[in-house]
């Protein structure tokens, strides 16, 4: 699954997918900051002014924890909790501390940002344009936005429905549920 720690929809998907014991999920960073960058110029991973951007550092540390054989799940859970469920502003030191607690063994900023750039390029080759995006296999990639985290009794049925729609309807290229704005009732 491609995700960004800054994305509330990725956080909801995290809670949903973590409830599915029989589903193995590989979490792959995808920078929304890069995806939403205006036109030409250098990718954000190469821009000096983005070197201390905590959203990029969080994603790069995720890759570093995995590369160092650490506990990626522990880091992922801690980062999502810190970003979405705890008040306060995250610093580079906080993020590196979460990474070190999960097994990050050293930090090479340039190498980490280069790896993040490579990961982003690989995602774009699959057609990823936002988060969260599930890659079910080489031919089936789906962007899924949850309005709410499904209850425990709905988590597995929702997984099956998403898989069935993605795998069982090859002619369906895109599907979007239109949700009208609530009417002002004064």
N, C-alpha and C. Protein backbone atom coordinates (compact mmCIF):
# COMPACT_ATOMS: atom_id res chain seq x y z
N UNK A 1 0.83 -1.17 0.00
CA UNK A 1 0.00 0.00 0.00
C UNK A 1 0.88 1.23 0.00
N UNK A 2 0.61 2.14 -0.91
CA UNK A 2 1.30 3.42 -0.94
C UNK A 2 0.56 4.39 -0.03
N UNK A 3 1.31 5.10 0.79
CA UNK A 3 0.74 5.96 1.81
C UNK A 3 1.63 7.18 2.03
N UNK A 4 1.06 8.16 2.70
CA UNK A 4 1.82 9.31 3.19
C UNK A 4 1.37 9.54 4.63
N UNK A 5 2.31 9.72 5.54
CA UNK A 5 1.95 9.93 6.95
C UNK A 5 1.07 11.16 7.14
N UNK A 6 1.16 12.13 6.26
CA UNK A 6 0.35 13.34 6.40
C UNK A 6 -1.10 13.13 5.99
N UNK A 7 -1.41 12.03 5.36
CA UNK A 7 -2.73 11.79 4.77
C UNK A 7 -3.67 11.14 5.78
N UNK A 8 -4.75 11.84 6.11
CA UNK A 8 -5.75 11.28 7.01
C UNK A 8 -6.41 10.02 6.46
N UNK A 9 -6.56 9.95 5.14
CA UNK A 9 -7.14 8.75 4.53
C UNK A 9 -6.19 7.56 4.67
N UNK A 10 -4.88 7.81 4.60
CA UNK A 10 -3.91 6.74 4.84
C UNK A 10 -3.99 6.26 6.28
N UNK A 11 -4.20 7.18 7.21
CA UNK A 11 -4.34 6.81 8.61
C UNK A 11 -5.58 5.94 8.82
N UNK A 12 -6.69 6.31 8.19
CA UNK A 12 -7.90 5.48 8.29
C UNK A 12 -7.65 4.10 7.70
N UNK A 13 -6.99 4.05 6.55
CA UNK A 13 -6.68 2.76 5.91
C UNK A 13 -5.76 1.93 6.80
N UNK A 14 -4.86 2.59 7.50
CA UNK A 14 -3.96 1.89 8.43
C UNK A 14 -4.76 1.15 9.48
N UNK A 15 -5.73 1.83 10.09
CA UNK A 15 -6.56 1.18 11.11
C UNK A 15 -7.35 0.02 10.51
N UNK A 16 -7.89 0.21 9.32
CA UNK A 16 -8.66 -0.84 8.65
C UNK A 16 -7.79 -2.05 8.34
N UNK A 17 -6.66 -1.81 7.67
CA UNK A 17 -5.81 -2.92 7.22
C UNK A 17 -5.15 -3.63 8.40
N UNK A 18 -4.83 -2.89 9.46
CA UNK A 18 -4.23 -3.53 10.64
C UNK A 18 -5.22 -4.49 11.31
N UNK A 19 -6.51 -4.30 11.08
CA UNK A 19 -7.52 -5.19 11.67
C UNK A 19 -7.67 -6.49 10.88
N UNK A 20 -7.04 -6.59 9.73
CA UNK A 20 -7.16 -7.77 8.87
C UNK A 20 -5.96 -8.69 9.10
N UNK A 21 -6.10 -9.62 10.02
CA UNK A 21 -4.98 -10.49 10.40
C UNK A 21 -4.45 -11.34 9.25
N UNK A 22 -5.32 -11.73 8.32
CA UNK A 22 -4.91 -12.64 7.25
C UNK A 22 -4.41 -11.93 6.00
N UNK A 23 -4.27 -10.62 6.06
CA UNK A 23 -3.82 -9.86 4.89
C UNK A 23 -2.43 -9.29 5.19
N UNK A 24 -1.48 -9.65 4.33
CA UNK A 24 -0.13 -9.12 4.48
C UNK A 24 -0.02 -7.83 3.67
N UNK A 25 0.31 -6.75 4.34
CA UNK A 25 0.40 -5.44 3.70
C UNK A 25 1.84 -4.97 3.74
N UNK A 26 2.36 -4.57 2.58
CA UNK A 26 3.66 -3.94 2.50
C UNK A 26 3.41 -2.44 2.34
N UNK A 27 3.90 -1.67 3.28
CA UNK A 27 3.66 -0.22 3.31
C UNK A 27 4.78 0.48 2.57
N UNK A 28 4.40 1.23 1.53
CA UNK A 28 5.38 1.91 0.68
C UNK A 28 5.11 3.41 0.67
N UNK A 29 6.11 4.20 1.07
CA UNK A 29 5.93 5.65 1.09
C UNK A 29 5.69 6.25 -0.29
N UNK A 30 4.81 7.25 -0.32
CA UNK A 30 4.51 8.01 -1.53
C UNK A 30 4.27 9.45 -1.08
N UNK A 31 5.13 10.34 -1.50
CA UNK A 31 5.08 11.73 -1.02
C UNK A 31 4.00 12.55 -1.74
N UNK A 32 3.00 12.97 -0.98
CA UNK A 32 1.99 13.87 -1.54
C UNK A 32 2.58 15.25 -1.81
N UNK A 33 3.60 15.63 -1.05
CA UNK A 33 4.28 16.91 -1.30
C UNK A 33 4.88 16.91 -2.71
N UNK A 34 5.51 15.82 -3.09
CA UNK A 34 6.07 15.71 -4.44
C UNK A 34 4.96 15.61 -5.47
N UNK A 35 3.95 14.81 -5.18
CA UNK A 35 2.87 14.61 -6.14
C UNK A 35 2.14 15.91 -6.45
N UNK A 36 2.03 16.78 -5.47
CA UNK A 36 1.29 18.04 -5.64
C UNK A 36 2.20 19.23 -5.99
N UNK A 37 3.46 18.93 -6.29
CA UNK A 37 4.41 19.99 -6.67
C UNK A 37 3.99 20.60 -7.99
N UNK A 38 4.12 21.91 -8.10
CA UNK A 38 3.78 22.60 -9.35
C UNK A 38 4.84 22.37 -10.41
N UNK A 39 4.44 21.75 -11.50
CA UNK A 39 5.25 21.63 -12.72
C UNK A 39 6.72 21.34 -12.55
N UNK A 40 7.49 21.76 -13.54
CA UNK A 40 8.92 21.49 -13.65
C UNK A 40 9.74 21.73 -12.41
N UNK A 41 11.01 21.77 -12.62
CA UNK A 41 11.93 21.96 -11.52
C UNK A 41 12.32 20.65 -10.89
N UNK A 42 13.15 20.78 -9.89
CA UNK A 42 13.65 19.60 -9.20
C UNK A 42 12.58 18.94 -8.35
N UNK A 43 12.61 17.61 -8.26
CA UNK A 43 11.73 16.93 -7.31
C UNK A 43 12.02 17.42 -5.88
N UNK A 44 11.04 17.38 -5.01
CA UNK A 44 11.22 17.87 -3.65
C UNK A 44 12.34 17.13 -2.92
N UNK A 45 12.61 15.90 -3.30
CA UNK A 45 13.66 15.12 -2.65
C UNK A 45 15.04 15.71 -2.91
N UNK A 46 15.16 16.55 -3.94
CA UNK A 46 16.44 17.13 -4.34
C UNK A 46 16.54 18.62 -4.03
N UNK A 47 15.50 19.21 -3.48
CA UNK A 47 15.49 20.63 -3.20
C UNK A 47 16.08 20.91 -1.82
N UNK A 48 17.09 21.78 -1.78
CA UNK A 48 17.75 22.10 -0.51
C UNK A 48 16.76 22.65 0.52
N UNK A 49 15.79 23.43 0.07
CA UNK A 49 14.84 24.03 1.02
C UNK A 49 13.88 23.01 1.62
N UNK A 50 13.84 21.80 1.08
CA UNK A 50 12.98 20.74 1.62
C UNK A 50 13.77 19.76 2.49
N UNK A 51 15.05 20.01 2.69
CA UNK A 51 15.91 19.06 3.41
C UNK A 51 15.43 18.78 4.83
N UNK A 52 14.76 19.75 5.45
CA UNK A 52 14.29 19.53 6.82
C UNK A 52 12.77 19.38 6.90
N UNK A 53 12.14 19.04 5.78
CA UNK A 53 10.69 18.85 5.75
C UNK A 53 10.35 17.56 6.49
N UNK A 54 9.58 17.69 7.58
CA UNK A 54 9.31 16.52 8.42
C UNK A 54 8.46 15.46 7.72
N UNK A 55 7.61 15.86 6.77
CA UNK A 55 6.82 14.84 6.08
C UNK A 55 7.73 13.96 5.22
N UNK A 56 8.72 14.57 4.58
CA UNK A 56 9.67 13.78 3.78
C UNK A 56 10.59 12.95 4.67
N UNK A 57 11.04 13.54 5.77
CA UNK A 57 11.91 12.81 6.69
C UNK A 57 11.19 11.60 7.25
N UNK A 58 9.91 11.76 7.60
CA UNK A 58 9.14 10.63 8.16
C UNK A 58 9.07 9.48 7.17
N UNK A 59 8.83 9.80 5.89
CA UNK A 59 8.76 8.76 4.87
C UNK A 59 10.13 8.12 4.62
N UNK A 60 11.17 8.94 4.59
CA UNK A 60 12.53 8.43 4.37
C UNK A 60 12.98 7.54 5.53
N UNK A 61 12.65 7.92 6.75
CA UNK A 61 13.00 7.09 7.91
C UNK A 61 12.27 5.75 7.84
N UNK A 62 11.03 5.76 7.36
CA UNK A 62 10.28 4.50 7.17
C UNK A 62 11.11 3.54 6.30
N UNK A 63 11.61 4.05 5.18
CA UNK A 63 12.44 3.21 4.30
C UNK A 63 13.72 2.78 5.00
N UNK A 64 14.31 3.69 5.77
CA UNK A 64 15.55 3.37 6.49
C UNK A 64 15.36 2.29 7.53
N UNK A 65 14.28 2.34 8.28
CA UNK A 65 13.99 1.30 9.27
C UNK A 65 13.89 -0.06 8.58
N UNK A 66 13.20 -0.09 7.44
CA UNK A 66 13.09 -1.34 6.70
C UNK A 66 14.42 -1.82 6.17
N UNK A 67 15.19 -0.91 5.61
CA UNK A 67 16.51 -1.27 5.06
C UNK A 67 17.46 -1.78 6.14
N UNK A 68 17.31 -1.27 7.37
CA UNK A 68 18.17 -1.68 8.47
C UNK A 68 17.65 -2.92 9.20
N UNK A 69 16.56 -3.50 8.68
CA UNK A 69 16.01 -4.71 9.30
C UNK A 69 15.25 -4.44 10.59
N UNK A 70 14.79 -3.21 10.76
CA UNK A 70 14.07 -2.83 11.97
C UNK A 70 12.60 -3.23 11.92
N UNK A 71 11.87 -2.73 12.88
CA UNK A 71 10.44 -3.04 13.04
C UNK A 71 9.62 -1.94 12.37
N UNK A 72 9.39 -2.10 11.07
CA UNK A 72 8.68 -1.09 10.29
C UNK A 72 7.27 -0.87 10.83
N UNK A 73 6.60 -1.94 11.22
CA UNK A 73 5.24 -1.82 11.76
C UNK A 73 5.21 -0.96 13.01
N UNK A 74 6.19 -1.14 13.88
CA UNK A 74 6.27 -0.33 15.10
C UNK A 74 6.48 1.14 14.76
N UNK A 75 7.39 1.40 13.82
CA UNK A 75 7.64 2.79 13.41
C UNK A 75 6.39 3.39 12.76
N UNK A 76 5.77 2.64 11.87
CA UNK A 76 4.58 3.12 11.16
C UNK A 76 3.47 3.47 12.15
N UNK A 77 3.22 2.59 13.09
CA UNK A 77 2.18 2.85 14.08
C UNK A 77 2.51 4.11 14.90
N UNK A 78 3.76 4.22 15.32
CA UNK A 78 4.16 5.38 16.13
C UNK A 78 4.04 6.68 15.33
N UNK A 79 4.45 6.65 14.06
CA UNK A 79 4.38 7.86 13.24
C UNK A 79 2.93 8.27 12.98
N UNK A 80 2.09 7.33 12.60
CA UNK A 80 0.69 7.68 12.37
C UNK A 80 0.04 8.23 13.64
N UNK A 81 0.31 7.58 14.78
CA UNK A 81 -0.25 8.07 16.04
C UNK A 81 0.24 9.49 16.33
N UNK A 82 1.52 9.72 16.19
CA UNK A 82 2.08 11.04 16.47
C UNK A 82 1.52 12.10 15.53
N UNK A 83 1.35 11.73 14.27
CA UNK A 83 0.90 12.70 13.27
C UNK A 83 -0.58 13.03 13.40
N UNK A 84 -1.40 12.01 13.69
CA UNK A 84 -2.85 12.20 13.62
C UNK A 84 -3.58 12.16 14.95
N UNK A 85 -2.99 11.57 15.97
CA UNK A 85 -3.77 11.34 17.17
C UNK A 85 -3.17 11.95 18.43
N UNK A 86 -2.07 12.66 18.28
CA UNK A 86 -1.44 13.32 19.43
C UNK A 86 -1.23 14.78 19.09
N UNK A 87 -1.55 15.66 20.03
CA UNK A 87 -1.33 17.08 19.76
C UNK A 87 0.16 17.42 19.74
N UNK A 88 0.49 18.46 19.02
CA UNK A 88 1.88 18.91 19.01
C UNK A 88 2.50 18.82 17.65
N UNK A 89 3.62 19.47 17.52
CA UNK A 89 4.35 19.53 16.27
C UNK A 89 5.52 18.57 16.32
N UNK A 90 5.71 17.80 15.27
CA UNK A 90 6.82 16.85 15.20
C UNK A 90 8.09 17.54 14.73
N UNK A 91 9.20 17.13 15.29
CA UNK A 91 10.50 17.64 14.85
C UNK A 91 11.28 16.50 14.19
N UNK A 92 12.35 16.87 13.51
CA UNK A 92 13.24 15.86 12.93
C UNK A 92 13.76 14.94 14.02
N UNK A 93 14.09 15.50 15.17
CA UNK A 93 14.62 14.70 16.28
C UNK A 93 13.57 13.69 16.77
N UNK A 94 12.30 14.11 16.85
CA UNK A 94 11.23 13.18 17.24
C UNK A 94 11.18 12.01 16.27
N UNK A 95 11.16 12.32 14.99
CA UNK A 95 11.03 11.29 13.95
C UNK A 95 12.22 10.34 13.96
N UNK A 96 13.41 10.89 14.05
CA UNK A 96 14.60 10.04 14.11
C UNK A 96 14.58 9.18 15.37
N UNK A 97 14.08 9.73 16.48
CA UNK A 97 13.95 8.95 17.72
C UNK A 97 12.99 7.79 17.55
N UNK A 98 11.84 8.03 16.88
CA UNK A 98 10.90 6.94 16.61
C UNK A 98 11.59 5.88 15.75
N UNK A 99 12.34 6.33 14.75
CA UNK A 99 13.05 5.41 13.87
C UNK A 99 14.08 4.58 14.62
N UNK A 100 14.88 5.24 15.46
CA UNK A 100 15.90 4.53 16.22
C UNK A 100 15.28 3.52 17.18
N UNK A 101 14.14 3.89 17.79
CA UNK A 101 13.45 2.96 18.69
C UNK A 101 12.95 1.73 17.93
N UNK A 102 12.72 1.89 16.63
CA UNK A 102 12.22 0.78 15.81
C UNK A 102 13.34 0.05 15.07
N UNK A 103 14.59 0.48 15.25
CA UNK A 103 15.71 -0.24 14.65
C UNK A 103 16.49 0.50 13.58
N UNK A 104 16.24 1.80 13.40
CA UNK A 104 17.03 2.58 12.45
C UNK A 104 18.46 2.62 12.97
N UNK A 105 19.38 2.23 12.13
CA UNK A 105 20.78 2.13 12.53
C UNK A 105 21.61 3.14 11.74
N UNK A 106 21.45 4.40 12.08
CA UNK A 106 22.17 5.45 11.37
C UNK A 106 21.24 6.20 10.44
N UNK A 107 21.65 7.41 10.06
CA UNK A 107 20.82 8.26 9.23
C UNK A 107 21.71 9.00 8.26
N UNK A 108 21.56 8.70 6.99
CA UNK A 108 22.26 9.40 5.92
C UNK A 108 21.17 10.12 5.11
N UNK A 109 21.01 11.40 5.36
CA UNK A 109 19.93 12.19 4.77
C UNK A 109 19.89 12.07 3.25
N UNK A 110 21.03 12.27 2.59
CA UNK A 110 21.05 12.26 1.12
C UNK A 110 20.67 10.90 0.56
N UNK A 111 21.22 9.85 1.16
CA UNK A 111 20.89 8.50 0.70
C UNK A 111 19.41 8.19 0.94
N UNK A 112 18.89 8.61 2.09
CA UNK A 112 17.50 8.34 2.43
C UNK A 112 16.54 9.07 1.48
N UNK A 113 16.85 10.32 1.17
CA UNK A 113 16.00 11.08 0.26
C UNK A 113 16.09 10.54 -1.17
N UNK A 114 17.26 10.03 -1.57
CA UNK A 114 17.40 9.42 -2.89
C UNK A 114 16.55 8.16 -2.97
N UNK A 115 16.56 7.35 -1.91
CA UNK A 115 15.73 6.14 -1.88
C UNK A 115 14.25 6.50 -1.93
N UNK A 116 13.88 7.58 -1.25
CA UNK A 116 12.48 8.03 -1.28
C UNK A 116 12.09 8.48 -2.69
N UNK A 117 13.00 9.16 -3.37
CA UNK A 117 12.75 9.56 -4.76
C UNK A 117 12.57 8.35 -5.67
N UNK A 118 13.41 7.33 -5.47
CA UNK A 118 13.29 6.11 -6.26
C UNK A 118 11.96 5.41 -5.99
N UNK A 119 11.55 5.37 -4.73
CA UNK A 119 10.27 4.75 -4.37
C UNK A 119 9.12 5.49 -5.02
N UNK A 120 9.19 6.82 -5.04
CA UNK A 120 8.13 7.62 -5.64
C UNK A 120 8.04 7.36 -7.15
N UNK A 121 9.19 7.28 -7.80
CA UNK A 121 9.21 7.01 -9.24
C UNK A 121 8.63 5.64 -9.55
N UNK A 122 8.93 4.64 -8.72
CA UNK A 122 8.38 3.30 -8.93
C UNK A 122 6.86 3.32 -8.77
N UNK A 123 6.37 4.09 -7.82
CA UNK A 123 4.92 4.21 -7.62
C UNK A 123 4.26 4.85 -8.85
N UNK A 124 4.87 5.89 -9.36
CA UNK A 124 4.30 6.55 -10.54
C UNK A 124 4.26 5.61 -11.74
N UNK A 125 5.23 4.70 -11.85
CA UNK A 125 5.22 3.72 -12.93
C UNK A 125 4.01 2.80 -12.84
N UNK A 126 3.49 2.61 -11.63
CA UNK A 126 2.30 1.79 -11.43
C UNK A 126 1.01 2.60 -11.61
N UNK A 127 1.15 3.90 -11.81
CA UNK A 127 -0.01 4.76 -11.98
C UNK A 127 -0.51 5.39 -10.69
N UNK A 128 0.25 5.26 -9.61
CA UNK A 128 -0.16 5.83 -8.34
C UNK A 128 -0.17 7.35 -8.46
N UNK A 129 -1.26 7.96 -7.97
CA UNK A 129 -1.39 9.42 -8.04
C UNK A 129 -1.76 10.02 -6.70
N UNK A 130 -2.07 9.19 -5.73
CA UNK A 130 -2.48 9.68 -4.42
C UNK A 130 -2.44 8.56 -3.40
N UNK A 131 -2.79 8.92 -2.17
CA UNK A 131 -2.78 7.95 -1.09
C UNK A 131 -4.13 7.96 -0.38
N UNK A 132 -4.50 6.79 0.10
CA UNK A 132 -3.84 5.48 0.04
C UNK A 132 -4.16 4.74 -1.26
N UNK A 133 -3.18 4.04 -1.77
CA UNK A 133 -3.34 3.24 -2.97
C UNK A 133 -2.88 1.81 -2.68
N UNK A 134 -3.78 0.88 -2.91
CA UNK A 134 -3.48 -0.54 -2.71
C UNK A 134 -3.01 -1.15 -4.02
N UNK A 135 -1.94 -1.92 -3.95
CA UNK A 135 -1.47 -2.68 -5.10
C UNK A 135 -1.79 -4.14 -4.79
N UNK A 136 -2.79 -4.66 -5.47
CA UNK A 136 -3.23 -6.03 -5.21
C UNK A 136 -2.37 -7.05 -5.94
N UNK A 137 -1.93 -6.70 -7.13
CA UNK A 137 -0.98 -7.49 -7.90
C UNK A 137 -0.45 -6.58 -9.01
N UNK A 138 0.33 -7.11 -9.93
CA UNK A 138 0.97 -6.28 -10.96
C UNK A 138 -0.02 -5.55 -11.86
N UNK A 139 -1.25 -6.03 -11.94
CA UNK A 139 -2.23 -5.44 -12.85
C UNK A 139 -3.37 -4.72 -12.15
N UNK A 140 -3.44 -4.79 -10.84
CA UNK A 140 -4.58 -4.24 -10.12
C UNK A 140 -4.13 -3.32 -8.99
N UNK A 141 -4.25 -2.04 -9.24
CA UNK A 141 -3.90 -1.01 -8.28
C UNK A 141 -5.13 -0.14 -8.07
N UNK A 142 -5.51 0.08 -6.81
CA UNK A 142 -6.72 0.85 -6.54
C UNK A 142 -6.48 1.92 -5.47
N UNK A 143 -7.01 3.08 -5.74
CA UNK A 143 -6.99 4.22 -4.82
C UNK A 143 -8.25 4.11 -3.97
N UNK A 144 -8.10 4.08 -2.65
CA UNK A 144 -9.24 3.86 -1.76
C UNK A 144 -9.27 4.95 -0.69
N UNK A 145 -10.36 5.69 -0.64
CA UNK A 145 -10.56 6.71 0.40
C UNK A 145 -11.69 6.26 1.30
N UNK A 146 -11.41 6.06 2.55
CA UNK A 146 -12.43 5.66 3.51
C UNK A 146 -13.03 6.89 4.17
N UNK A 147 -14.37 6.94 4.25
CA UNK A 147 -15.02 8.02 4.97
C UNK A 147 -14.82 7.86 6.47
N UNK A 148 -14.81 6.62 6.92
CA UNK A 148 -14.59 6.28 8.33
C UNK A 148 -13.82 4.97 8.39
N UNK A 149 -13.24 4.70 9.53
CA UNK A 149 -12.61 3.40 9.74
C UNK A 149 -13.73 2.39 9.93
N UNK A 150 -13.74 1.30 9.15
CA UNK A 150 -14.82 0.32 9.33
C UNK A 150 -14.75 -0.34 10.70
N UNK A 151 -15.93 -0.67 11.23
CA UNK A 151 -15.98 -1.40 12.50
C UNK A 151 -15.37 -2.78 12.29
N UNK A 152 -15.05 -3.44 13.37
CA UNK A 152 -14.41 -4.76 13.29
C UNK A 152 -15.22 -5.73 12.45
N UNK A 153 -16.54 -5.69 12.57
CA UNK A 153 -17.38 -6.62 11.81
C UNK A 153 -17.49 -6.25 10.34
N UNK A 154 -17.09 -5.05 9.96
CA UNK A 154 -17.14 -4.61 8.56
C UNK A 154 -15.77 -4.63 7.88
N UNK A 155 -14.69 -4.78 8.63
CA UNK A 155 -13.35 -4.69 8.06
C UNK A 155 -13.11 -5.75 6.99
N UNK A 156 -13.36 -7.01 7.32
CA UNK A 156 -13.12 -8.09 6.35
C UNK A 156 -14.07 -8.02 5.16
N UNK A 157 -15.39 -7.83 5.36
CA UNK A 157 -16.27 -7.70 4.20
C UNK A 157 -15.87 -6.55 3.27
N UNK A 158 -15.42 -5.45 3.83
CA UNK A 158 -14.99 -4.33 2.99
C UNK A 158 -13.76 -4.73 2.17
N UNK A 159 -12.83 -5.43 2.78
CA UNK A 159 -11.64 -5.91 2.06
C UNK A 159 -12.07 -6.79 0.88
N UNK A 160 -12.96 -7.70 1.14
CA UNK A 160 -13.43 -8.61 0.08
C UNK A 160 -14.15 -7.83 -1.03
N UNK A 161 -14.92 -6.84 -0.66
CA UNK A 161 -15.63 -6.03 -1.68
C UNK A 161 -14.65 -5.24 -2.53
N UNK A 162 -13.65 -4.65 -1.91
CA UNK A 162 -12.64 -3.90 -2.67
C UNK A 162 -11.89 -4.83 -3.61
N UNK A 163 -11.47 -5.97 -3.10
CA UNK A 163 -10.77 -6.96 -3.95
C UNK A 163 -11.64 -7.43 -5.10
N UNK A 164 -12.88 -7.75 -4.81
CA UNK A 164 -13.79 -8.24 -5.84
C UNK A 164 -13.99 -7.18 -6.92
N UNK A 165 -14.20 -5.96 -6.53
CA UNK A 165 -14.39 -4.89 -7.51
C UNK A 165 -13.12 -4.68 -8.33
N UNK A 166 -11.96 -4.68 -7.67
CA UNK A 166 -10.70 -4.45 -8.37
C UNK A 166 -10.32 -5.60 -9.30
N UNK A 167 -10.48 -6.82 -8.81
CA UNK A 167 -10.04 -7.99 -9.57
C UNK A 167 -11.12 -8.54 -10.50
N UNK A 168 -12.39 -8.38 -10.11
CA UNK A 168 -13.46 -9.03 -10.84
C UNK A 168 -14.16 -8.18 -11.88
N UNK A 169 -13.79 -6.93 -11.99
CA UNK A 169 -14.44 -6.04 -12.96
C UNK A 169 -13.36 -5.35 -13.81
N UNK A 170 -12.68 -6.11 -14.70
CA UNK A 170 -11.56 -5.54 -15.44
C UNK A 170 -11.94 -4.39 -16.36
N UNK A 171 -13.20 -4.30 -16.74
CA UNK A 171 -13.61 -3.21 -17.62
C UNK A 171 -13.86 -1.90 -16.86
N UNK A 172 -13.98 -1.99 -15.55
CA UNK A 172 -14.21 -0.81 -14.73
C UNK A 172 -12.87 -0.13 -14.46
N UNK A 173 -12.66 1.01 -15.08
CA UNK A 173 -11.39 1.72 -14.94
C UNK A 173 -11.38 2.64 -13.73
N UNK A 174 -12.47 3.32 -13.48
CA UNK A 174 -12.53 4.25 -12.35
C UNK A 174 -13.96 4.29 -11.84
N UNK A 175 -14.08 4.38 -10.53
CA UNK A 175 -15.38 4.44 -9.89
C UNK A 175 -15.29 5.46 -8.78
N UNK A 176 -16.24 6.35 -8.72
CA UNK A 176 -16.22 7.41 -7.70
C UNK A 176 -17.63 7.60 -7.17
N UNK A 177 -17.79 7.45 -5.89
CA UNK A 177 -19.09 7.68 -5.26
C UNK A 177 -19.25 9.19 -5.09
N UNK A 178 -20.29 9.74 -5.64
CA UNK A 178 -20.56 11.17 -5.54
C UNK A 178 -21.33 11.42 -4.25
N UNK A 179 -20.78 12.25 -3.41
CA UNK A 179 -21.41 12.58 -2.14
C UNK A 179 -21.74 14.07 -2.17
N UNK A 180 -23.03 14.40 -2.29
CA UNK A 180 -23.40 15.81 -2.35
C UNK A 180 -23.10 16.53 -1.05
N UNK A 181 -22.84 17.82 -1.16
CA UNK A 181 -22.63 18.65 0.02
C UNK A 181 -23.93 18.72 0.81
N UNK A 182 -23.86 18.73 2.13
CA UNK A 182 -25.09 18.86 2.93
C UNK A 182 -25.76 20.21 2.65
N UNK A 183 -27.07 20.16 2.64
CA UNK A 183 -27.82 21.39 2.39
C UNK A 183 -27.88 22.22 3.67
N UNK A 184 -27.80 23.52 3.48
CA UNK A 184 -27.90 24.44 4.62
C UNK A 184 -29.37 24.53 5.01
N UNK A 185 -29.69 24.12 6.22
CA UNK A 185 -31.07 24.14 6.67
C UNK A 185 -31.23 25.15 7.81
N UNK A 186 -31.39 26.38 7.43
CA UNK A 186 -31.57 27.43 8.45
C UNK A 186 -33.00 27.74 8.63
